[in-house]
Amino acid sequence: MKYIELTVHTTSEASELVADILWNYTEGGVAVSDIADVIALQNGQYGIFWDYLDESLQALPRSDVLVKAFLLPEKEGEIPKIMQEIYACRDRAAGEIPFGTLEETKRVIDGDDWIDIWKKHFRPIHLNHIVVVPEWIDYEEGPDEKVVVLDSNMAFGTGEHETTAMCVELMQDFLQGGDVVLDVGCGSGILGIAAAKLGAGQCFLTDIDPIAVASSKHNAEKNGVENLVTVKESNLVDDTSMKADLILANITAEILVHLAPAIPSHLKEGGAVILSGILPDRADKVKAAFGAAGLSLLREVRRGEWVALALRRA
């Protein structure tokens, strides 16, 4: 499907007004790229913790916000009208709201190109006994292999990323048959589904993102383990009844530190915790937080620029 990508350069203050006008002309959606939002997210201003930000982003000019609309080709002739509405909105603001340059650019894009390119480069990933296979590839399960089929278009977690791979591999050293497994921040569901394939008795997957919840349920059904996998849209901290033999959390260091007091309360005696999504310079902070919560470090693994930890109650 071809689209006309119309980009308008504006400011943080005016971006919502510009986006509202663009929404009246698009069936393909509107995207706002504002570095101020990324920095606010990093600083926890939205009540969400995110600690992985390229420092070079801090140096970008914050006044230039990009608002993109994806128009059907037959609406290209309406771009002058769209811009007139934006100019009129600016004039009504009478200088009280800065609108920036309102420079416009346009280009033709193919809305489905990224999907085809991504699929072309995805191959089965071998993680010890687990083989992660995209659902559009035929793969015959070999001896001592457990295949996890994923449709990962909608949520993070393919097994290709180092953080996910380390979790899957560490899990196989700690998981016992019949264990209850809790996956915090489940994304695509890969960790919980892999645990079910490896012999877990019951797997509970939680995420605060409804897209991740839908994706995990879909992938559990694809793998025929929906009877072993329960997916909830919830925050782990809010559910005090859950007890697991093995807890998996592949998130970010800042969120792990935030959850450190809560996670041990969900762990059975003798149970283990596997954490990933940690940058090396945050690893000591995570270890200290979980040490203070009564967990001792069993193993530390590093791959690329990421660290994974395995811990048990001291």
C-alpha atoms as a PDB file:
ATOM      1  CA  MET A   1       0.000   0.000   0.000  1.00  0.00           C
ATOM      2  CA  LYS A   2       1.506   3.324  -1.067  1.00  0.00           C
ATOM      3  CA  TYR A   3       1.234   6.403   1.158  1.00  0.00           C
ATOM      4  CA  ILE A   4       2.247  10.023   0.950  1.00  0.00           C
ATOM      5  CA  GLU A   5       4.252  10.777   4.099  1.00  0.00           C
ATOM      6  CA  LEU A   6       3.671  14.451   4.924  1.00  0.00           C
ATOM      7  CA  THR A   7       6.050  15.837   7.570  1.00  0.00           C
ATOM      8  CA  VAL A   8       5.453  19.186   9.268  1.00  0.00           C
ATOM      9  CA  HIS A   9       8.205  20.763  11.417  1.00  0.00           C
ATOM     10  CA  THR A  10       6.741  22.434  14.500  1.00  0.00           C
ATOM     11  CA  THR A  11       7.233  22.707  18.299  1.00  0.00           C
ATOM     12  CA  SER A  12       6.260  20.678  21.367  1.00  0.00           C
ATOM     13  CA  GLU A  13       3.656  23.308  22.288  1.00  0.00           C
ATOM     14  CA  ALA A  14       1.944  23.190  18.876  1.00  0.00           C
ATOM     15  CA  SER A  15       2.436  19.524  17.988  1.00  0.00           C
ATOM     16  CA  GLU A  16      -0.978  18.369  19.241  1.00  0.00           C
ATOM     17  CA  LEU A  17      -2.767  21.138  17.337  1.00  0.00           C
ATOM     18  CA  VAL A  18      -0.932  20.225  14.142  1.00  0.00           C
ATOM     19  CA  ALA A  19      -1.598  16.511  14.706  1.00  0.00           C
ATOM     20  CA  ASP A  20      -5.335  17.145  15.234  1.00  0.00           C
ATOM     21  CA  ILE A  21      -5.560  18.852  11.846  1.00  0.00           C
ATOM     22  CA  LEU A  22      -3.631  16.088  10.110  1.00  0.00           C
ATOM     23  CA  TRP A  23      -5.872  13.403  11.630  1.00  0.00           C
ATOM     24  CA  ASN A  24      -8.770  14.814   9.591  1.00  0.00           C
ATOM     25  CA  TYR A  25      -7.053  13.807   6.350  1.00  0.00           C
ATOM     26  CA  THR A  26      -5.407  10.454   7.035  1.00  0.00           C
ATOM     27  CA  GLU A  27      -6.413   6.803   7.125  1.00  0.00           C
ATOM     28  CA  GLY A  28      -2.802   5.810   7.725  1.00  0.00           C
ATOM     29  CA  GLY A  29      -2.252   7.515  11.073  1.00  0.00           C
ATOM     30  CA  VAL A  30      -0.237  10.388  12.539  1.00  0.00           C
ATOM     31  CA  ALA A  31       3.126  10.142  14.328  1.00  0.00           C
ATOM     32  CA  VAL A  32       4.755  12.787  16.534  1.00  0.00           C
ATOM     33  CA  SER A  33       8.534  12.662  17.032  1.00  0.00           C
ATOM     34  CA  ASP A  34       9.485  14.850  19.985  1.00  0.00           C
ATOM     35  CA  ILE A  35      12.788  14.376  21.811  1.00  0.00           C
ATOM     36  CA  ALA A  36      11.248  16.123  24.840  1.00  0.00           C
ATOM     37  CA  ASP A  37       8.897  13.136  25.250  1.00  0.00           C
ATOM     38  CA  VAL A  38      11.834  10.703  25.266  1.00  0.00           C
ATOM     39  CA  ILE A  39      13.693  12.728  27.897  1.00  0.00           C
ATOM     40  CA  ALA A  40      10.535  13.036  30.013  1.00  0.00           C
ATOM     41  CA  LEU A  41      10.095   9.259  29.796  1.00  0.00           C
ATOM     42  CA  GLN A  42      13.666   8.719  30.926  1.00  0.00           C
ATOM     43  CA  ASN A  43      13.112  11.048  33.874  1.00  0.00           C
ATOM     44  CA  GLY A  44      10.022   9.132  34.973  1.00  0.00           C
ATOM     45  CA  GLN A  45       7.604  12.009  34.392  1.00  0.00           C
ATOM     46  CA  TYR A  46       4.964   9.644  32.949  1.00  0.00           C
ATOM     47  CA  GLY A  47       5.160   7.215  35.880  1.00  0.00           C
ATOM     48  CA  ILE A  48       7.114   4.788  33.684  1.00  0.00           C
ATOM     49  CA  PHE A  49      10.807   4.079  34.122  1.00  0.00           C
ATOM     50  CA  TRP A  50      13.136   3.848  31.132  1.00  0.00           C
ATOM     51  CA  ASP A  51      16.911   3.920  31.510  1.00  0.00           C
ATOM     52  CA  TYR A  52      18.300   3.275  28.030  1.00  0.00           C
ATOM     53  CA  LEU A  53      18.767   6.565  26.198  1.00  0.00           C
ATOM     54  CA  ASP A  54      21.496   7.358  23.694  1.00  0.00           C
ATOM     55  CA  GLU A  55      23.265  10.383  25.175  1.00  0.00           C
ATOM     56  CA  SER A  56      23.515  11.971  21.719  1.00  0.00           C
ATOM     57  CA  LEU A  57      19.743  12.461  21.804  1.00  0.00           C
ATOM     58  CA  GLN A  58      20.152  14.926  24.653  1.00  0.00           C
ATOM     59  CA  ALA A  59      21.994  17.278  22.300  1.00  0.00           C
ATOM     60  CA  LEU A  60      19.243  17.394  19.669  1.00  0.00           C
ATOM     61  CA  PRO A  61      17.307  20.675  19.332  1.00  0.00           C
ATOM     62  CA  ARG A  62      14.068  20.330  21.289  1.00  0.00           C
ATOM     63  CA  SER A  63      12.238  23.028  19.352  1.00  0.00           C
ATOM     64  CA  ASP A  64      12.013  20.995  16.119  1.00  0.00           C
ATOM     65  CA  VAL A  65       9.222  18.459  16.491  1.00  0.00           C
ATOM     66  CA  LEU A  66       8.218  16.334  13.514  1.00  0.00           C
ATOM     67  CA  VAL A  67       4.536  15.570  12.972  1.00  0.00           C
ATOM     68  CA  LYS A  68       3.990  13.005  10.220  1.00  0.00           C
ATOM     69  CA  ALA A  69       0.732  12.100   8.500  1.00  0.00           C
ATOM     70  CA  PHE A  70       0.345   9.170   6.128  1.00  0.00           C
ATOM     71  CA  LEU A  71      -2.043  10.131   3.352  1.00  0.00           C
ATOM     72  CA  LEU A  72      -3.588   8.057   0.607  1.00  0.00           C
ATOM     73  CA  PRO A  73      -2.107   9.009  -2.791  1.00  0.00           C
ATOM     74  CA  GLU A  74      -5.399  10.509  -3.972  1.00  0.00           C
ATOM     75  CA  LYS A  75      -5.207  13.044  -1.117  1.00  0.00           C
ATOM     76  CA  GLU A  76      -1.862  14.499  -2.177  1.00  0.00           C
ATOM     77  CA  GLY A  77      -3.712  17.407  -3.817  1.00  0.00           C
ATOM     78  CA  GLU A  78      -5.168  18.355  -0.415  1.00  0.00           C
ATOM     79  CA  ILE A  79      -1.774  19.152   1.117  1.00  0.00           C
ATOM     80  CA  PRO A  80      -2.054  22.909   0.352  1.00  0.00           C
ATOM     81  CA  LYS A  81      -5.454  22.915   2.094  1.00  0.00           C
ATOM     82  CA  ILE A  82      -3.984  21.078   5.084  1.00  0.00           C
ATOM     83  CA  MET A  83      -1.194  23.602   5.389  1.00  0.00           C
ATOM     84  CA  GLN A  84      -3.651  26.500   5.110  1.00  0.00           C
ATOM     85  CA  GLU A  85      -5.567  25.084   8.096  1.00  0.00           C
ATOM     86  CA  ILE A  86      -2.339  24.816  10.071  1.00  0.00           C
ATOM     87  CA  TYR A  87      -1.360  28.398   9.196  1.00  0.00           C
ATOM     88  CA  ALA A  88      -4.840  29.580  10.232  1.00  0.00           C
ATOM     89  CA  CYS A  89      -4.462  27.768  13.555  1.00  0.00           C
ATOM     90  CA  ARG A  90      -1.130  29.497  14.076  1.00  0.00           C
ATOM     91  CA  ASP A  91      -2.681  32.885  13.293  1.00  0.00           C
ATOM     92  CA  ARG A  92      -5.516  32.285  15.785  1.00  0.00           C
ATOM     93  CA  ALA A  93      -2.930  31.576  18.476  1.00  0.00           C
ATOM     94  CA  ALA A  94      -1.710  35.157  17.923  1.00  0.00           C
ATOM     95  CA  GLY A  95       1.799  34.399  19.109  1.00  0.00           C
ATOM     96  CA  GLU A  96       0.729  32.831  22.412  1.00  0.00           C
ATOM     97  CA  ILE A  97       1.790  29.390  21.156  1.00  0.00           C
ATOM     98  CA  PRO A  98       5.035  29.027  19.143  1.00  0.00           C
ATOM     99  CA  PHE A  99       4.484  26.991  15.968  1.00  0.00           C
ATOM    100  CA  GLY A 100       8.073  26.878  14.720  1.00  0.00           C
ATOM    101  CA  THR A 101       8.956  26.919  11.023  1.00  0.00           C
ATOM    102  CA  LEU A 102       6.002  24.793   9.789  1.00  0.00           C
ATOM    103  CA  GLU A 103       8.323  23.605   7.046  1.00  0.00           C
ATOM    104  CA  GLU A 104       6.718  20.757   5.095  1.00  0.00           C
ATOM    105  CA  THR A 105       8.226  17.819   3.241  1.00  0.00           C
ATOM    106  CA  LYS A 106       6.623  14.860   1.508  1.00  0.00           C
ATOM    107  CA  ARG A 107       7.686  11.539   0.074  1.00  0.00           C
ATOM    108  CA  VAL A 108       6.079   8.339  -1.215  1.00  0.00           C
ATOM    109  CA  ILE A 109       6.494   5.284   1.011  1.00  0.00           C
ATOM    110  CA  ASP A 110       5.300   1.696   0.924  1.00  0.00           C
ATOM    111  CA  GLY A 111       3.507   0.929   4.175  1.00  0.00           C
ATOM    112  CA  ASP A 112       4.251  -2.796   4.023  1.00  0.00           C
ATOM    113  CA  ASP A 113       7.926  -2.663   3.008  1.00  0.00           C
ATOM    114  CA  TRP A 114       9.278  -2.911   6.551  1.00  0.00           C
ATOM    115  CA  ILE A 115       7.314  -6.111   7.233  1.00  0.00           C
ATOM    116  CA  ASP A 116       8.615  -7.861   4.123  1.00  0.00           C
ATOM    117  CA  ILE A 117      12.210  -6.768   4.765  1.00  0.00           C
ATOM    118  CA  TRP A 118      12.041  -7.871   8.395  1.00  0.00           C
ATOM    119  CA  LYS A 119      10.608 -11.284   7.506  1.00  0.00           C
ATOM    120  CA  LYS A 120      13.250 -11.820   4.843  1.00  0.00           C
ATOM    121  CA  HIS A 121      16.079 -11.551   7.376  1.00  0.00           C
ATOM    122  CA  PHE A 122      14.511 -13.544  10.224  1.00  0.00           C
ATOM    123  CA  ARG A 123      15.776 -17.128  10.611  1.00  0.00           C
ATOM    124  CA  PRO A 124      15.270 -19.856  13.253  1.00  0.00           C
ATOM    125  CA  ILE A 125      17.284 -19.060  16.380  1.00  0.00           C
ATOM    126  CA  HIS A 126      18.829 -21.916  18.399  1.00  0.00           C
ATOM    127  CA  LEU A 127      19.029 -21.313  22.153  1.00  0.00           C
ATOM    128  CA  ASN A 128      20.216 -24.639  23.597  1.00  0.00           C
ATOM    129  CA  HIS A 129      17.133 -26.911  23.473  1.00  0.00           C
ATOM    130  CA  ILE A 130      14.797 -24.104  22.394  1.00  0.00           C
ATOM    131  CA  VAL A 131      14.502 -23.141  18.714  1.00  0.00           C
ATOM    132  CA  VAL A 132      12.591 -19.909  18.060  1.00  0.00           C
ATOM    133  CA  VAL A 133      10.915 -20.046  14.649  1.00  0.00           C
ATOM    134  CA  PRO A 134       8.834 -17.312  12.953  1.00  0.00           C
ATOM    135  CA  GLU A 135       5.421 -18.649  12.050  1.00  0.00           C
ATOM    136  CA  TRP A 136       5.916 -18.061   8.309  1.00  0.00           C
ATOM    137  CA  ILE A 137       8.895 -20.515   8.153  1.00  0.00           C
ATOM    138  CA  ASP A 138       8.468 -24.300   8.037  1.00  0.00           C
ATOM    139  CA  TYR A 139      10.840 -25.973  10.485  1.00  0.00           C
ATOM    140  CA  GLU A 140      11.064 -29.640  11.468  1.00  0.00           C
ATOM    141  CA  GLU A 141      11.778 -30.133  15.151  1.00  0.00           C
ATOM    142  CA  GLY A 142      14.951 -32.133  15.733  1.00  0.00           C
ATOM    143  CA  PRO A 143      15.873 -34.513  18.566  1.00  0.00           C
ATOM    144  CA  ASP A 144      16.088 -32.764  21.950  1.00  0.00           C
ATOM    145  CA  GLU A 145      14.634 -29.586  20.431  1.00  0.00           C
ATOM    146  CA  LYS A 146      11.548 -27.668  21.513  1.00  0.00           C
ATOM    147  CA  VAL A 147      10.231 -25.287  18.877  1.00  0.00           C
ATOM    148  CA  VAL A 148       8.650 -21.988  19.906  1.00  0.00           C
ATOM    149  CA  VAL A 149       6.684 -20.504  17.007  1.00  0.00           C
ATOM    150  CA  LEU A 150       6.313 -16.731  17.137  1.00  0.00           C
ATOM    151  CA  ASP A 151       4.348 -14.114  15.295  1.00  0.00           C
ATOM    152  CA  SER A 152       6.236 -11.132  16.727  1.00  0.00           C
ATOM    153  CA  ASN A 153       4.819  -8.355  14.568  1.00  0.00           C
ATOM    154  CA  MET A 154       3.079  -6.731  17.533  1.00  0.00           C
ATOM    155  CA  ALA A 155       5.357  -7.023  20.562  1.00  0.00           C
ATOM    156  CA  PHE A 156       8.997  -7.178  21.560  1.00  0.00           C
ATOM    157  CA  GLY A 157      10.662 -10.578  22.043  1.00  0.00           C
ATOM    158  CA  THR A 158      11.926 -12.697  19.153  1.00  0.00           C
ATOM    159  CA  GLY A 159      14.916 -14.447  20.692  1.00  0.00           C
ATOM    160  CA  GLU A 160      17.236 -12.527  18.388  1.00  0.00           C
ATOM    161  CA  HIS A 161      18.010  -9.873  21.001  1.00  0.00           C
ATOM    162  CA  GLU A 162      20.770 -10.714  23.482  1.00  0.00           C
ATOM    163  CA  THR A 163      18.585 -10.010  26.512  1.00  0.00           C
ATOM    164  CA  THR A 164      15.910 -12.499  25.424  1.00  0.00           C
ATOM    165  CA  ALA A 165      18.465 -15.108  24.355  1.00  0.00           C
ATOM    166  CA  MET A 166      20.256 -14.980  27.721  1.00  0.00           C
ATOM    167  CA  CYS A 167      16.958 -15.400  29.587  1.00  0.00           C
ATOM    168  CA  VAL A 168      15.966 -18.441  27.517  1.00  0.00           C
ATOM    169  CA  GLU A 169      19.377 -20.045  27.960  1.00  0.00           C
ATOM    170  CA  LEU A 170      19.614 -19.379  31.711  1.00  0.00           C
ATOM    171  CA  MET A 171      16.065 -20.607  32.206  1.00  0.00           C
ATOM    172  CA  GLN A 172      17.084 -24.051  30.976  1.00  0.00           C
ATOM    173  CA  ASP A 173      19.634 -24.357  33.794  1.00  0.00           C
ATOM    174  CA  PHE A 174      17.134 -23.575  36.551  1.00  0.00           C
ATOM    175  CA  LEU A 175      13.716 -24.811  35.386  1.00  0.00           C
ATOM    176  CA  GLN A 176      12.457 -28.077  36.871  1.00  0.00           C
ATOM    177  CA  GLY A 177       9.583 -30.156  35.507  1.00  0.00           C
ATOM    178  CA  GLY A 178       6.250 -29.018  36.938  1.00  0.00           C
ATOM    179  CA  ASP A 179       7.561 -25.633  38.126  1.00  0.00           C
ATOM    180  CA  VAL A 180       5.308 -22.598  38.342  1.00  0.00           C
ATOM    181  CA  VAL A 181       6.850 -19.817  36.246  1.00  0.00           C
ATOM    182  CA  LEU A 182       6.098 -16.090  36.355  1.00  0.00           C
ATOM    183  CA  ASP A 183       7.159 -13.879  33.429  1.00  0.00           C
ATOM    184  CA  VAL A 184       7.030 -10.181  34.344  1.00  0.00           C
ATOM    185  CA  GLY A 185       6.742  -7.902  31.298  1.00  0.00           C
ATOM    186  CA  CYS A 186       6.059 -10.770  28.918  1.00  0.00           C
ATOM    187  CA  GLY A 187       6.153  -8.911  25.567  1.00  0.00           C
ATOM    188  CA  SER A 188       5.604 -11.526  22.853  1.00  0.00           C
ATOM    189  CA  GLY A 189       5.320 -14.298  25.456  1.00  0.00           C
ATOM    190  CA  ILE A 190       8.504 -16.045  24.323  1.00  0.00           C
ATOM    191  CA  LEU A 191       9.869 -16.719  27.818  1.00  0.00           C
ATOM    192  CA  GLY A 192       6.674 -18.161  29.300  1.00  0.00           C
ATOM    193  CA  ILE A 193       5.945 -20.212  26.169  1.00  0.00           C
ATOM    194  CA  ALA A 194       9.508 -21.580  26.164  1.00  0.00           C
ATOM    195  CA  ALA A 195       9.103 -22.516  29.838  1.00  0.00           C
ATOM    196  CA  ALA A 196       5.867 -24.362  29.049  1.00  0.00           C
ATOM    197  CA  LYS A 197       7.597 -26.238  26.219  1.00  0.00           C
ATOM    198  CA  LEU A 198      10.422 -27.206  28.600  1.00  0.00           C
ATOM    199  CA  GLY A 199       8.054 -28.812  31.104  1.00  0.00           C
ATOM    200  CA  ALA A 200       6.775 -26.066  33.409  1.00  0.00           C
ATOM    201  CA  GLY A 201       3.547 -26.995  35.143  1.00  0.00           C
ATOM    202  CA  GLN A 202       1.952 -23.550  34.869  1.00  0.00           C
ATOM    203  CA  CYS A 203       3.160 -20.240  33.438  1.00  0.00           C
ATOM    204  CA  PHE A 204       1.745 -16.855  34.414  1.00  0.00           C
ATOM    205  CA  LEU A 205       2.563 -13.951  32.081  1.00  0.00           C
ATOM    206  CA  THR A 206       1.941 -10.323  33.004  1.00  0.00           C
ATOM    207  CA  ASP A 207       2.350  -7.070  31.112  1.00  0.00           C
ATOM    208  CA  ILE A 208       0.903  -3.567  31.411  1.00  0.00           C
ATOM    209  CA  ASP A 209       0.770  -3.225  27.594  1.00  0.00           C
ATOM    210  CA  PRO A 210      -2.484  -4.566  26.077  1.00  0.00           C
ATOM    211  CA  ILE A 211      -0.703  -5.202  22.750  1.00  0.00           C
ATOM    212  CA  ALA A 212       1.816  -7.434  24.526  1.00  0.00           C
ATOM    213  CA  VAL A 213      -1.007  -9.289  26.289  1.00  0.00           C
ATOM    214  CA  ALA A 214      -2.815  -9.914  22.988  1.00  0.00           C
ATOM    215  CA  SER A 215       0.437 -11.003  21.321  1.00  0.00           C
ATOM    216  CA  SER A 216       1.307 -13.419  24.142  1.00  0.00           C
ATOM    217  CA  LYS A 217      -2.142 -15.011  24.033  1.00  0.00           C
ATOM    218  CA  HIS A 218      -1.917 -15.358  20.252  1.00  0.00           C
ATOM    219  CA  ASN A 219       1.547 -16.942  20.436  1.00  0.00           C
ATOM    220  CA  ALA A 220       0.507 -19.314  23.244  1.00  0.00           C
ATOM    221  CA  GLU A 221      -2.329 -20.587  21.047  1.00  0.00           C
ATOM    222  CA  LYS A 222       0.048 -20.916  18.088  1.00  0.00           C
ATOM    223  CA  ASN A 223       2.232 -23.182  20.209  1.00  0.00           C
ATOM    224  CA  GLY A 224      -0.617 -25.238  21.662  1.00  0.00           C
ATOM    225  CA  VAL A 225       0.248 -24.325  25.269  1.00  0.00           C
ATOM    226  CA  GLU A 226      -2.705 -22.067  26.059  1.00  0.00           C
ATOM    227  CA  ASN A 227      -3.812 -24.571  28.733  1.00  0.00           C
ATOM    228  CA  LEU A 228      -0.490 -24.020  30.547  1.00  0.00           C
ATOM    229  CA  VAL A 229      -0.139 -20.284  29.970  1.00  0.00           C
ATOM    230  CA  THR A 230      -2.223 -17.595  31.680  1.00  0.00           C
ATOM    231  CA  VAL A 231      -1.740 -14.037  30.430  1.00  0.00           C
ATOM    232  CA  LYS A 232      -2.870 -11.000  32.424  1.00  0.00           C
ATOM    233  CA  GLU A 233      -2.772  -7.288  31.766  1.00  0.00           C
ATOM    234  CA  SER A 234      -1.515  -6.287  35.182  1.00  0.00           C
ATOM    235  CA  ASN A 235       1.333  -4.897  37.237  1.00  0.00           C
ATOM    236  CA  LEU A 236       3.150  -7.525  39.272  1.00  0.00           C
ATOM    237  CA  VAL A 237       3.134  -5.281  42.327  1.00  0.00           C
ATOM    238  CA  ASP A 238      -0.692  -5.258  42.340  1.00  0.00           C
ATOM    239  CA  ASP A 239      -1.040  -9.060  42.570  1.00  0.00           C
ATOM    240  CA  THR A 240       0.099 -10.351  45.950  1.00  0.00           C
ATOM    241  CA  SER A 241      -1.267 -13.894  45.575  1.00  0.00           C
ATOM    242  CA  MET A 242       1.154 -15.123  42.891  1.00  0.00           C
ATOM    243  CA  LYS A 243       3.889 -17.572  44.017  1.00  0.00           C
ATOM    244  CA  ALA A 244       6.366 -19.076  41.544  1.00  0.00           C
ATOM    245  CA  ASP A 245       9.357 -21.422  41.500  1.00  0.00           C
ATOM    246  CA  LEU A 246      11.012 -19.371  38.764  1.00  0.00           C
ATOM    247  CA  ILE A 247      10.519 -15.671  38.021  1.00  0.00           C
ATOM    248  CA  LEU A 248      11.672 -14.160  34.715  1.00  0.00           C
ATOM    249  CA  ALA A 249      11.948 -10.429  34.094  1.00  0.00           C
ATOM    250  CA  ASN A 250      13.523  -9.056  30.914  1.00  0.00           C
ATOM    251  CA  ILE A 251      12.796  -5.345  31.253  1.00  0.00           C
ATOM    252  CA  THR A 252      15.270  -2.543  32.080  1.00  0.00           C
ATOM    253  CA  ALA A 253      17.494  -1.934  35.074  1.00  0.00           C
ATOM    254  CA  GLU A 254      15.449   1.004  36.355  1.00  0.00           C
ATOM    255  CA  ILE A 255      12.207  -1.000  36.371  1.00  0.00           C
ATOM    256  CA  LEU A 256      13.965  -4.022  37.921  1.00  0.00           C
ATOM    257  CA  VAL A 257      15.236  -1.856  40.774  1.00  0.00           C
ATOM    258  CA  HIS A 258      11.706  -0.493  41.185  1.00  0.00           C
ATOM    259  CA  LEU A 259      10.333  -4.068  41.378  1.00  0.00           C
ATOM    260  CA  ALA A 260      13.114  -5.453  43.587  1.00  0.00           C
ATOM    261  CA  PRO A 261      11.119  -5.203  46.845  1.00  0.00           C
ATOM    262  CA  ALA A 262       8.084  -6.920  45.279  1.00  0.00           C
ATOM    263  CA  ILE A 263       9.598  -9.786  43.280  1.00  0.00           C
ATOM    264  CA  PRO A 264      10.875 -11.865  46.252  1.00  0.00           C
ATOM    265  CA  SER A 265       7.367 -11.843  47.774  1.00  0.00           C
ATOM    266  CA  HIS A 266       6.233 -13.866  44.743  1.00  0.00           C
ATOM    267  CA  LEU A 267       9.051 -16.416  45.012  1.00  0.00           C
ATOM    268  CA  LYS A 268       8.645 -19.823  46.616  1.00  0.00           C
ATOM    269  CA  GLU A 269      11.290 -21.118  49.031  1.00  0.00           C
ATOM    270  CA  GLY A 270      14.319 -22.232  47.033  1.00  0.00           C
ATOM    271  CA  GLY A 271      13.041 -20.490  43.903  1.00  0.00           C
ATOM    272  CA  ALA A 272      15.184 -18.603  41.408  1.00  0.00           C
ATOM    273  CA  VAL A 273      14.934 -15.270  39.624  1.00  0.00           C
ATOM    274  CA  ILE A 274      16.392 -14.513  36.180  1.00  0.00           C
ATOM    275  CA  LEU A 275      16.779 -10.858  35.259  1.00  0.00           C
ATOM    276  CA  SER A 276      17.865  -9.292  31.976  1.00  0.00           C
ATOM    277  CA  GLY A 277      17.649  -6.047  30.015  1.00  0.00           C
ATOM    278  CA  ILE A 278      20.476  -4.618  32.158  1.00  0.00           C
ATOM    279  CA  LEU A 279      23.254  -2.387  30.861  1.00  0.00           C
ATOM    280  CA  PRO A 280      26.665  -3.151  32.429  1.00  0.00           C
ATOM    281  CA  ASP A 281      26.935   0.183  34.252  1.00  0.00           C
ATOM    282  CA  ARG A 282      23.543  -0.516  35.915  1.00  0.00           C
ATOM    283  CA  ALA A 283      24.295  -4.122  36.931  1.00  0.00           C
ATOM    284  CA  ASP A 284      25.701  -3.255  40.384  1.00  0.00           C
ATOM    285  CA  LYS A 285      22.618  -1.137  41.112  1.00  0.00           C
ATOM    286  CA  VAL A 286      20.331  -4.080  40.270  1.00  0.00           C
ATOM    287  CA  LYS A 287      22.420  -6.549  42.285  1.00  0.00           C
ATOM    288  CA  ALA A 288      22.385  -4.222  45.284  1.00  0.00           C
ATOM    289  CA  ALA A 289      18.606  -3.766  45.104  1.00  0.00           C
ATOM    290  CA  PHE A 290      17.919  -7.510  44.947  1.00  0.00           C
ATOM    291  CA  GLY A 291      20.571  -8.233  47.576  1.00  0.00           C
ATOM    292  CA  ALA A 292      18.766  -5.852  49.903  1.00  0.00           C
ATOM    293  CA  ALA A 293      15.563  -7.769  49.128  1.00  0.00           C
ATOM    294  CA  GLY A 294      17.145 -11.035  50.290  1.00  0.00           C
ATOM    295  CA  LEU A 295      18.359 -12.592  47.041  1.00  0.00           C
ATOM    296  CA  SER A 296      21.910 -13.795  46.407  1.00  0.00           C
ATOM    297  CA  LEU A 297      23.655 -13.815  43.040  1.00  0.00           C
ATOM    298  CA  LEU A 298      24.197 -17.240  41.466  1.00  0.00           C
ATOM    299  CA  ARG A 299      25.376 -16.312  38.004  1.00  0.00           C
ATOM    300  CA  GLU A 300      26.119 -13.252  35.882  1.00  0.00           C
ATOM    301  CA  VAL A 301      26.216 -13.480  32.083  1.00  0.00           C
ATOM    302  CA  ARG A 302      27.215 -10.773  29.625  1.00  0.00           C
ATOM    303  CA  ARG A 303      26.485 -10.737  25.897  1.00  0.00           C
ATOM    304  CA  GLY A 304      27.137  -7.716  23.707  1.00  0.00           C
ATOM    305  CA  GLU A 305      26.239  -4.634  25.739  1.00  0.00           C
ATOM    306  CA  TRP A 306      23.774  -6.460  28.007  1.00  0.00           C
ATOM    307  CA  VAL A 307      23.918  -8.335  31.314  1.00  0.00           C
ATOM    308  CA  ALA A 308      21.672 -11.082  32.712  1.00  0.00           C
ATOM    309  CA  LEU A 309      21.584 -12.240  36.330  1.00  0.00           C
ATOM    310  CA  ALA A 310      20.404 -15.414  38.054  1.00  0.00           C
ATOM    311  CA  LEU A 311      19.597 -15.108  41.760  1.00  0.00           C
ATOM    312  CA  ARG A 312      18.113 -17.164  44.576  1.00  0.00           C
ATOM    313  CA  ARG A 313      16.786 -16.323  48.015  1.00  0.00           C
ATOM    314  CA  ALA A 314      19.769 -16.089  50.377  1.00  0.00           C
END
